[in-house]
């Protein structure tokens, strides 16, 4: 079995295309995998945990767009 890969908060944020502040906020409110604390000021996330979190995230996308946008008339 291979050794786990650990990511810094900057690496996680870059992977998810978000800010470092968002990662800390998601962690704080319980929306993100638990981090591993190695020492004071040294927090990491296991890559496998981040990958599992990504796989469990709901996604959505537009299947079609109305163009030009339809105007709703006041009734």
N, C-alpha and C. Protein backbone atom coordinates (compact mmCIF):
# COMPACT_ATOMS: atom_id res chain seq x y z
N UNK A 1 0.84 -1.18 0.00
CA UNK A 1 0.00 0.00 0.00
C UNK A 1 0.88 1.24 0.00
N UNK A 2 0.53 2.23 -0.83
CA UNK A 2 1.38 3.42 -0.96
C UNK A 2 1.14 4.40 0.18
N UNK A 3 2.11 5.23 0.42
CA UNK A 3 2.01 6.27 1.45
C UNK A 3 0.98 7.31 1.03
N UNK A 4 0.22 7.85 1.97
CA UNK A 4 -0.76 8.89 1.62
C UNK A 4 -0.07 10.17 1.18
N UNK A 5 -0.73 10.90 0.30
CA UNK A 5 -0.23 12.19 -0.16
C UNK A 5 -0.99 13.26 0.61
N UNK A 6 -0.27 14.21 1.16
CA UNK A 6 -0.87 15.30 1.94
C UNK A 6 -0.73 16.61 1.18
N UNK A 7 -1.80 17.41 1.19
CA UNK A 7 -1.83 18.69 0.49
C UNK A 7 -1.90 19.85 1.48
N UNK A 8 -1.23 20.94 1.15
CA UNK A 8 -1.36 22.16 1.93
C UNK A 8 -2.69 22.83 1.58
N UNK A 9 -3.08 23.81 2.39
CA UNK A 9 -4.32 24.53 2.10
C UNK A 9 -4.22 25.25 0.76
N UNK A 10 -3.05 25.75 0.43
CA UNK A 10 -2.86 26.41 -0.87
C UNK A 10 -3.04 25.42 -2.02
N UNK A 11 -2.51 24.22 -1.87
CA UNK A 11 -2.66 23.20 -2.91
C UNK A 11 -4.12 22.78 -3.07
N UNK A 12 -4.82 22.64 -1.94
CA UNK A 12 -6.24 22.26 -2.00
C UNK A 12 -7.03 23.37 -2.70
N UNK A 13 -6.78 24.62 -2.31
CA UNK A 13 -7.50 25.75 -2.92
C UNK A 13 -7.23 25.81 -4.42
N UNK A 14 -6.00 25.61 -4.82
CA UNK A 14 -5.66 25.63 -6.25
C UNK A 14 -6.36 24.48 -6.97
N UNK A 15 -6.37 23.31 -6.38
CA UNK A 15 -7.02 22.14 -6.98
C UNK A 15 -8.51 22.39 -7.21
N UNK A 16 -9.15 23.08 -6.25
CA UNK A 16 -10.59 23.32 -6.32
C UNK A 16 -10.93 24.67 -6.95
N UNK A 17 -9.90 25.40 -7.38
CA UNK A 17 -10.09 26.70 -8.01
C UNK A 17 -10.91 27.63 -7.11
N UNK A 18 -10.51 27.73 -5.87
CA UNK A 18 -11.18 28.58 -4.90
C UNK A 18 -10.12 29.26 -4.03
N UNK A 19 -10.57 30.03 -3.08
CA UNK A 19 -9.62 30.74 -2.22
C UNK A 19 -9.25 29.91 -1.00
N UNK A 20 -8.12 30.23 -0.42
CA UNK A 20 -7.69 29.61 0.82
C UNK A 20 -8.71 29.89 1.92
N UNK A 21 -9.25 31.09 1.93
CA UNK A 21 -10.27 31.45 2.94
C UNK A 21 -11.49 30.55 2.83
N UNK A 22 -11.89 30.19 1.62
CA UNK A 22 -13.04 29.30 1.44
C UNK A 22 -12.77 27.92 2.04
N UNK A 23 -11.57 27.40 1.83
CA UNK A 23 -11.22 26.09 2.40
C UNK A 23 -11.33 26.14 3.91
N UNK A 24 -10.75 27.16 4.53
CA UNK A 24 -10.83 27.28 6.00
C UNK A 24 -12.27 27.43 6.46
N UNK A 25 -13.06 28.20 5.73
CA UNK A 25 -14.47 28.39 6.10
C UNK A 25 -15.24 27.08 5.99
N UNK A 26 -15.05 26.34 4.89
CA UNK A 26 -15.73 25.06 4.71
C UNK A 26 -15.34 24.09 5.82
N UNK A 27 -14.05 24.10 6.18
CA UNK A 27 -13.58 23.23 7.27
C UNK A 27 -14.25 23.63 8.58
N UNK A 28 -14.30 24.92 8.86
CA UNK A 28 -14.84 25.44 10.12
C UNK A 28 -16.32 25.08 10.30
N UNK A 29 -17.09 25.11 9.22
CA UNK A 29 -18.52 24.83 9.33
C UNK A 29 -18.85 23.35 9.05
N UNK A 30 -17.83 22.53 8.84
CA UNK A 30 -18.03 21.09 8.68
C UNK A 30 -18.43 20.64 7.29
N UNK A 31 -18.13 21.44 6.27
CA UNK A 31 -18.48 21.09 4.89
C UNK A 31 -17.32 20.49 4.11
N UNK A 32 -16.20 20.27 4.78
CA UNK A 32 -15.00 19.81 4.10
C UNK A 32 -14.37 18.69 4.92
N UNK A 33 -13.60 17.81 4.30
CA UNK A 33 -12.98 16.71 5.05
C UNK A 33 -12.11 17.23 6.21
N UNK A 34 -11.98 16.39 7.21
CA UNK A 34 -11.13 16.73 8.35
C UNK A 34 -9.69 16.87 7.88
N UNK A 35 -9.02 17.83 8.46
CA UNK A 35 -7.61 18.04 8.17
C UNK A 35 -6.77 17.25 9.17
N UNK A 36 -5.51 17.05 8.81
CA UNK A 36 -4.55 16.39 9.69
C UNK A 36 -3.62 17.46 10.22
N UNK A 37 -3.52 17.55 11.53
CA UNK A 37 -2.65 18.55 12.17
C UNK A 37 -1.35 17.85 12.54
N UNK A 38 -0.25 18.22 11.88
CA UNK A 38 1.04 17.61 12.17
C UNK A 38 1.76 18.32 13.30
N UNK A 39 1.59 19.62 13.37
CA UNK A 39 2.24 20.44 14.40
C UNK A 39 1.53 21.79 14.39
N UNK A 40 1.77 22.64 15.39
CA UNK A 40 1.16 23.97 15.35
C UNK A 40 1.53 24.68 14.04
N UNK A 41 0.52 25.15 13.32
CA UNK A 41 0.77 25.85 12.06
C UNK A 41 1.01 24.94 10.88
N UNK A 42 0.86 23.62 11.07
CA UNK A 42 1.09 22.68 9.98
C UNK A 42 -0.14 21.80 9.83
N UNK A 43 -1.03 22.19 8.94
CA UNK A 43 -2.27 21.47 8.68
C UNK A 43 -2.25 20.99 7.24
N UNK A 44 -2.66 19.75 7.04
CA UNK A 44 -2.67 19.16 5.70
C UNK A 44 -3.96 18.37 5.51
N UNK A 45 -4.30 18.14 4.23
CA UNK A 45 -5.44 17.29 3.88
C UNK A 45 -4.91 16.12 3.08
N UNK A 46 -5.45 14.93 3.37
CA UNK A 46 -5.07 13.76 2.59
C UNK A 46 -5.72 13.88 1.21
N UNK A 47 -4.94 13.65 0.17
CA UNK A 47 -5.43 13.74 -1.20
C UNK A 47 -6.64 12.83 -1.41
N UNK A 48 -6.59 11.63 -0.88
CA UNK A 48 -7.70 10.68 -1.07
C UNK A 48 -8.99 11.23 -0.45
N UNK A 49 -8.90 11.93 0.68
CA UNK A 49 -10.09 12.52 1.30
C UNK A 49 -10.67 13.63 0.43
N UNK A 50 -9.80 14.45 -0.14
CA UNK A 50 -10.25 15.53 -1.02
C UNK A 50 -10.89 14.94 -2.28
N UNK A 51 -10.29 13.89 -2.83
CA UNK A 51 -10.85 13.24 -4.01
C UNK A 51 -12.23 12.64 -3.72
N UNK A 52 -12.39 12.02 -2.57
CA UNK A 52 -13.69 11.46 -2.20
C UNK A 52 -14.72 12.57 -2.01
N UNK A 53 -14.32 13.67 -1.42
CA UNK A 53 -15.22 14.82 -1.23
C UNK A 53 -15.65 15.37 -2.59
N UNK A 54 -14.69 15.49 -3.52
CA UNK A 54 -15.01 15.97 -4.87
C UNK A 54 -16.03 15.05 -5.55
N UNK A 55 -15.82 13.75 -5.43
CA UNK A 55 -16.70 12.79 -6.08
C UNK A 55 -18.12 12.84 -5.50
N UNK A 56 -18.24 13.22 -4.24
CA UNK A 56 -19.55 13.27 -3.58
C UNK A 56 -20.28 14.59 -3.80
N UNK A 57 -19.58 15.59 -4.32
CA UNK A 57 -20.21 16.90 -4.54
C UNK A 57 -21.24 16.81 -5.65
N UNK A 58 -22.35 17.50 -5.43
CA UNK A 58 -23.37 17.59 -6.46
C UNK A 58 -22.91 18.59 -7.50
N UNK A 59 -23.19 18.28 -8.73
CA UNK A 59 -22.85 19.20 -9.81
C UNK A 59 -24.11 19.49 -10.62
N UNK A 60 -24.08 20.59 -11.28
CA UNK A 60 -25.18 20.92 -12.18
C UNK A 60 -24.63 21.70 -13.36
N UNK A 61 -25.35 21.66 -14.44
CA UNK A 61 -24.95 22.42 -15.61
C UNK A 61 -26.19 22.73 -16.43
N UNK A 62 -26.09 23.74 -17.24
CA UNK A 62 -27.21 24.14 -18.07
C UNK A 62 -27.31 23.20 -19.26
N UNK A 63 -28.51 22.73 -19.54
CA UNK A 63 -28.71 21.86 -20.70
C UNK A 63 -29.07 22.66 -21.93
N UNK A 64 -29.65 23.87 -21.71
CA UNK A 64 -29.94 24.76 -22.83
C UNK A 64 -30.20 26.17 -22.29
N UNK A 65 -30.03 27.13 -23.14
CA UNK A 65 -30.26 28.53 -22.79
C UNK A 65 -31.24 29.12 -23.77
N UNK A 66 -32.12 29.95 -23.27
CA UNK A 66 -33.04 30.67 -24.15
C UNK A 66 -32.37 31.96 -24.58
N UNK A 67 -32.26 32.15 -25.88
CA UNK A 67 -31.65 33.39 -26.36
C UNK A 67 -32.45 33.90 -27.53
N UNK A 68 -32.86 35.12 -27.56
CA UNK A 68 -32.68 36.09 -26.48
C UNK A 68 -33.53 35.73 -25.28
N UNK A 69 -33.13 36.19 -24.10
CA UNK A 69 -33.89 35.86 -22.89
C UNK A 69 -35.33 36.27 -23.05
N UNK A 70 -36.25 35.42 -22.60
CA UNK A 70 -37.67 35.70 -22.67
C UNK A 70 -38.03 36.71 -21.58
N UNK A 71 -38.80 37.69 -21.92
CA UNK A 71 -39.23 38.70 -20.97
C UNK A 71 -40.54 38.27 -20.36
N UNK A 72 -40.66 38.37 -19.05
CA UNK A 72 -41.91 38.06 -18.39
C UNK A 72 -42.78 39.33 -18.39
N UNK A 73 -43.98 39.19 -18.83
CA UNK A 73 -44.87 40.36 -18.84
C UNK A 73 -45.57 40.48 -17.50
N UNK A 74 -45.80 41.70 -17.08
CA UNK A 74 -46.51 41.94 -15.82
C UNK A 74 -47.99 41.64 -16.05
N UNK A 75 -48.53 40.81 -15.21
CA UNK A 75 -49.95 40.43 -15.39
C UNK A 75 -50.86 41.25 -14.52
